[in-house]
């Protein structure tokens, strides 16, 4: 069995030699920290934490689907926010993408993300087909 890189036509790929957005080994899928960055130094959405979180979860959805899975195959998310007081907006967006038993989750406040306007970053781990049955 060999690791595979997965990409989605709906997402920009990172520059060569930096990281992979999504890697799969067997039925395990690993999605790098996604943000609402547009890949050109700007930000998607309206700038609110809710909108940034929604754009971020949308990217994760595109990648898990490109890998052959669904959002319910995600078993864990790690969420990084620059203002912990706005976590309810992140959770509101998260509820739009998961149903049933939600993934395990960590949410922590960080000082900053790569672009000052970004306030949310999320990475995900899943098992393709894990929610079937």
Protein backbone atom coordinates (compact mmCIF):
# COMPACT_ATOMS: atom_id res chain seq x y z
CA UNK A 1 0.00 0.00 0.00
CA UNK A 2 1.27 3.44 -0.88
CA UNK A 3 0.37 6.92 0.33
CA UNK A 4 -1.47 9.02 -2.22
CA UNK A 5 -1.82 12.76 -2.58
CA UNK A 6 -5.39 13.90 -3.20
CA UNK A 7 -6.39 17.22 -4.72
CA UNK A 8 -9.69 18.87 -5.59
CA UNK A 9 -10.28 21.07 -8.62
CA UNK A 10 -12.16 23.39 -6.23
CA UNK A 11 -9.02 24.22 -4.20
CA UNK A 12 -5.68 25.76 -5.04
CA UNK A 13 -2.76 23.45 -4.41
CA UNK A 14 0.07 24.69 -2.20
CA UNK A 15 3.37 25.64 -3.81
CA UNK A 16 5.60 22.66 -4.58
CA UNK A 17 7.93 21.73 -1.74
CA UNK A 18 5.71 23.16 1.00
CA UNK A 19 2.94 20.71 2.07
CA UNK A 20 0.09 18.58 0.75
CA UNK A 21 -3.52 19.56 1.34
CA UNK A 22 -4.65 15.94 1.59
CA UNK A 23 -2.93 12.57 1.85
CA UNK A 24 -4.51 9.12 1.99
CA UNK A 25 -3.04 5.87 3.23
CA UNK A 26 -5.37 2.90 2.92
CA UNK A 27 -8.68 4.23 4.17
CA UNK A 28 -7.08 6.90 6.37
CA UNK A 29 -7.31 10.49 5.17
CA UNK A 30 -5.32 13.41 6.55
CA UNK A 31 -6.28 16.97 5.65
CA UNK A 32 -3.84 19.80 6.34
CA UNK A 33 -4.85 22.92 8.20
CA UNK A 34 -7.38 24.65 5.98
CA UNK A 35 -8.30 28.34 6.20
CA UNK A 36 -10.52 30.73 4.28
CA UNK A 37 -7.48 32.04 2.41
CA UNK A 38 -8.07 32.46 -1.31
CA UNK A 39 -4.55 31.34 -2.29
CA UNK A 40 -3.64 34.84 -3.50
CA UNK A 41 -3.13 36.57 -0.15
CA UNK A 42 -6.81 37.42 0.28
CA UNK A 43 -9.66 35.90 2.25
CA UNK A 44 -12.89 34.21 1.12
CA UNK A 45 -16.24 35.10 2.66
CA UNK A 46 -17.41 38.27 4.37
CA UNK A 47 -14.67 38.37 7.02
CA UNK A 48 -16.83 37.26 9.96
CA UNK A 49 -15.63 34.30 12.03
CA UNK A 50 -18.75 32.37 10.98
CA UNK A 51 -18.05 33.00 7.29
CA UNK A 52 -14.35 32.14 7.66
CA UNK A 53 -15.22 28.89 9.45
CA UNK A 54 -17.82 28.02 6.82
CA UNK A 55 -15.32 28.56 3.99
CA UNK A 56 -12.78 26.44 5.88
CA UNK A 57 -15.19 23.52 6.39
CA UNK A 58 -16.20 23.80 2.73
CA UNK A 59 -12.58 23.22 1.71
CA UNK A 60 -12.38 20.18 4.00
CA UNK A 61 -15.58 18.86 2.43
CA UNK A 62 -14.13 19.26 -1.08
CA UNK A 63 -11.00 17.34 -0.09
CA UNK A 64 -12.73 14.49 1.76
CA UNK A 65 -15.08 14.06 -1.20
CA UNK A 66 -12.15 14.10 -3.64
CA UNK A 67 -10.65 11.29 -1.54
CA UNK A 68 -13.88 9.29 -1.93
CA UNK A 69 -15.45 10.01 1.45
CA UNK A 70 -18.05 12.15 3.15
CA UNK A 71 -17.90 14.61 6.02
CA UNK A 72 -19.27 11.92 8.32
CA UNK A 73 -16.07 9.92 7.65
CA UNK A 74 -14.14 12.63 9.53
CA UNK A 75 -13.22 11.30 12.98
CA UNK A 76 -11.22 14.26 14.30
CA UNK A 77 -10.84 17.99 13.74
CA UNK A 78 -8.40 20.36 15.38
CA UNK A 79 -9.64 23.94 15.32
CA UNK A 80 -7.43 26.98 15.86
CA UNK A 81 -9.04 30.39 16.43
CA UNK A 82 -7.54 33.80 17.14
CA UNK A 83 -10.42 34.75 19.47
CA UNK A 84 -11.84 32.00 21.67
CA UNK A 85 -14.82 34.22 22.52
CA UNK A 86 -16.09 33.70 18.97
CA UNK A 87 -16.14 29.89 19.21
CA UNK A 88 -19.95 29.76 18.98
CA UNK A 89 -19.70 31.08 15.41
CA UNK A 90 -17.22 28.32 14.57
CA UNK A 91 -19.51 25.69 16.11
CA UNK A 92 -22.48 27.10 14.19
CA UNK A 93 -20.59 26.61 10.91
CA UNK A 94 -19.39 23.15 11.99
CA UNK A 95 -22.99 22.02 12.60
CA UNK A 96 -23.74 22.74 8.93
CA UNK A 97 -21.23 20.12 7.79
CA UNK A 98 -21.60 17.23 10.25
CA UNK A 99 -24.54 15.18 11.44
CA UNK A 100 -25.02 12.24 13.78
CA UNK A 101 -21.98 11.61 15.95
CA UNK A 102 -19.70 14.60 15.46
CA UNK A 103 -15.93 14.09 15.13
CA UNK A 104 -13.74 14.39 18.17
CA UNK A 105 -12.48 17.93 18.37
CA UNK A 106 -9.97 20.24 19.94
CA UNK A 107 -10.44 24.00 19.86
CA UNK A 108 -7.63 26.29 20.97
CA UNK A 109 -6.87 29.97 20.76
CA UNK A 110 -3.69 30.96 18.94
CA UNK A 111 -2.03 34.33 18.68
CA UNK A 112 -2.17 34.61 14.88
CA UNK A 113 -2.54 32.72 11.61
CA UNK A 114 -0.59 33.16 8.34
CA UNK A 115 -2.68 36.10 7.10
CA UNK A 116 -3.87 38.69 9.66
CA UNK A 117 -7.50 38.56 8.42
CA UNK A 118 -7.68 34.80 9.00
CA UNK A 119 -9.21 33.87 12.34
CA UNK A 120 -9.91 30.13 11.90
CA UNK A 121 -7.82 27.14 10.79
CA UNK A 122 -8.95 23.51 10.86
CA UNK A 123 -7.21 20.24 10.09
CA UNK A 124 -9.05 16.92 9.81
CA UNK A 125 -8.47 13.18 10.00
CA UNK A 126 -10.91 10.59 8.71
CA UNK A 127 -11.45 6.98 7.72
CA UNK A 128 -12.94 6.63 4.25
CA UNK A 129 -16.13 4.57 4.47
CA UNK A 130 -15.98 4.74 8.26
CA UNK A 131 -19.47 6.20 8.60
CA UNK A 132 -21.12 3.62 6.32
CA UNK A 133 -23.01 0.77 7.80
